[in-house]
Amino acid sequence: MRGTVKSITIKSHKPLVVITADEYDGMKETIELLSVNPSLPAILKKERDRMDRGDYIALSDYKKKYKIR
């Protein structure tokens, strides 16, 4: 579980959700990324599937291949 979520009621009797500032910032960042690139979830899923199949190159091998220190 990421963080504890608590529900409270205020004068308007509408529920609020209380989360940490870090979680809120992360949610705002996610919304911003998705607004710029709505296909991002599909792209990430495709890449996760590729990695699950072992279709990737290790960083050390990448550095050797492209002569990067």
Protein backbone atom coordinates (compact mmCIF):
# COMPACT_ATOMS: atom_id res chain seq x y z
CA MET A 1 0.00 0.00 0.00
CA ARG A 2 1.43 3.36 -1.00
CA GLY A 3 0.17 5.58 1.76
CA THR A 4 -2.59 5.78 4.26
CA VAL A 5 -5.74 7.36 2.90
CA LYS A 6 -8.20 8.90 5.36
CA SER A 7 -11.65 10.31 4.71
CA ILE A 8 -13.03 13.23 6.73
CA THR A 9 -16.23 15.27 6.54
CA ILE A 10 -16.37 19.07 6.68
CA LYS A 11 -19.26 21.52 7.07
CA SER A 12 -20.49 20.87 3.53
CA HIS A 13 -20.77 17.17 4.34
CA LYS A 14 -18.72 16.33 1.28
CA PRO A 15 -15.95 13.82 1.89
CA LEU A 16 -12.31 14.84 1.50
CA VAL A 17 -9.31 12.63 0.91
CA VAL A 18 -6.15 13.47 2.85
CA ILE A 19 -2.84 12.41 1.31
CA THR A 20 0.75 13.46 1.80
CA ALA A 21 2.14 16.36 -0.21
CA ASP A 22 4.53 13.93 -1.94
CA GLU A 23 1.64 11.74 -3.09
CA TYR A 24 -0.27 14.81 -4.29
CA ASP A 25 2.76 16.06 -6.23
CA GLY A 26 3.15 12.62 -7.80
CA MET A 27 -0.49 12.60 -8.86
CA LYS A 28 -0.16 16.08 -10.39
CA GLU A 29 2.95 14.97 -12.28
CA THR A 30 1.16 11.87 -13.58
CA ILE A 31 -1.79 13.98 -14.77
CA GLU A 32 0.60 16.38 -16.51
CA LEU A 33 2.46 13.54 -18.25
CA LEU A 34 -0.79 11.95 -19.40
CA SER A 35 -2.13 15.28 -20.68
CA VAL A 36 0.96 15.71 -22.83
CA ASN A 37 0.98 12.10 -24.05
CA PRO A 38 -2.34 10.26 -23.57
CA SER A 39 -0.90 7.09 -25.15
CA LEU A 40 1.79 6.85 -22.45
CA PRO A 41 0.10 4.00 -20.50
CA ALA A 42 -0.05 1.85 -23.65
CA ILE A 43 3.58 2.64 -24.48
CA LEU A 44 4.70 1.73 -20.95
CA LYS A 45 2.70 -1.52 -21.01
CA LYS A 46 4.30 -2.48 -24.32
CA GLU A 47 7.78 -1.80 -22.89
CA ARG A 48 7.01 -3.75 -19.67
CA ASP A 49 5.85 -6.70 -21.78
CA ARG A 50 9.05 -6.49 -23.81
CA MET A 51 11.18 -6.51 -20.65
CA ASP A 52 9.17 -9.43 -19.23
CA ARG A 53 10.11 -11.38 -22.36
CA GLY A 54 13.78 -10.55 -21.71
CA ASP A 55 14.01 -8.28 -24.73
CA TYR A 56 16.40 -5.67 -23.36
CA ILE A 57 20.09 -4.88 -23.07
CA ALA A 58 21.89 -4.48 -19.76
CA LEU A 59 23.33 -1.04 -19.04
CA SER A 60 26.87 -2.39 -18.89
CA ASP A 61 26.45 -4.02 -22.32
CA TYR A 62 24.92 -0.84 -23.72
CA LYS A 63 27.90 1.17 -22.50
CA LYS A 64 30.33 -1.29 -24.09
CA LYS A 65 28.40 -1.34 -27.35
CA TYR A 66 28.29 2.46 -27.65
CA LYS A 67 31.66 3.08 -25.96
CA ILE A 68 30.21 5.11 -23.11
CA ARG A 69 32.03 5.45 -19.81
